[in-house]
Amino acid sequence: MADHVDIDTSDLPMDEETKNTMLELRRLQLEINKIELLKKKNDHDLQSKRDIAVLEKDKLQSDEITHNKDLYLEKARLELENALNTAKQKKCHDELTCKHELDILELKLQKEKLDLQIALREKQDALGLQSEKPEYLREPFVDGYLVISDRRIDLNGVIWQGTARHIIEQIEFFNNQSGEYPIFIVIDTCYGGSVREGLQIVKAMRYSRSPVYVVVKGFSASMSAVITTLAAKSFALPDAVILHHQLLNIAFGNVAEHREQLKILEEWNKRTLQPVAEKMGISLDEFTEQMYKHNIAGDWEEFADNAVKLKWVDYVVTDIRETGYTKKHLSENHKMFDGCCNESVDDAGNRYVKLPRLSPMDMYYIYNRDKYYRF
């Protein structure tokens, strides 16, 4: 498109007819400039409609919009500002007309930007998001506080048959999303449980593509304590309690069967507690001896600030920031033993929970001093 041209006749000698001709040419040139300006505006309006159509198409890709909201908004903002700056830089003979057109264009572009933001917000609300996206950090322990994203898994209650599958499926889900950022297993209160299930979780943590970190907020005992200690990194609030003890098994049968079950129990005990002892820098026998020195029943428990010295947990944190909670109404936590383990009362009036039967060759590793859990 031709640039705006002004014809200067002030320095040229001319008769009246020539002057009129030049004035007519000037008038025609101004008309041409006006037509060109209108054409530019129409072209820009058409281009804006095309841009809106493209953005509307992009809005349908909900996952891409959700995870790249900032990118889309920044791109739209830059395009709008570029169009506005381009329009302002164009020469316009009639300043009042040009300013009016620019004001209309600016209002229209602002409306397009607001419409896009509203559409993105509606898409977020449809997906249940109410606040800013979670914060993802490769190193989540920053300046004394721990940042937990929505790549988190709850581990509470009792570890029993099916718990490992639940945990491992979530680890693989987050691995398939990204292998770049850590996964958090968050423990409020976990009494331990199945050795077999627990060691499957430990193995899944060890071979995860993303690092799996354990966070203890309240109480982590028995198999849960092993999971905490053997994590790639573990964090705990200062008053959280970590408890280790020997494996527990209920033996049935004759003397030969007892010997056989004892042999199996010793093997499971070695496979479960040997890695913990090695991390502490002592032998398994020394670890066992220390358990009974600290407690006659062999239940060795420590607050997190002392557990760090024993290498049961890596870091004590005083500030945990859960950036993964983005909904106004949070759903209930996963129940590790849905539909079973209901509380009953025995003949003596004592409350108890009867644990479900484990698979053959499996056993419970659970803190149970008051016999609340029964087999």
Foldseek 3Di string as FASTA:
>chain_A
DDAQDADDDPPPDDDPVVVVVVVVVRVVSLVVVVVVVVVVVVVVVVVVVVVLVVLVVVLVVLVCCVVCVVVVLVVLVVVLVVVLVVLVPGDDPPVVVSVVSSVVSNVVSVVSSVVSVVSSVVSCVVVQFDDDAADFDQDQCPPQEGGAALLEAEDEEEAAPPNLVVLLVSLVVVVVVDLRTEHEYEYAHYFYKKLVSLVSNLVSQVPRSHFYEYEYEAEAEWSRLLSNLSGPAYEYAQQHKYKYFFADFDFDDDPVSVVVLVVLSVVSRCVRCQVLCVQQVHGPVVLQVVQCVCPVVSIDMDGPVVVCNSSSHPYHGNHYHYRHPRHPDDDDHDDNDPPAQDWDADPVRDIATEDDDHDPSMGIGGDQPPVRYHD
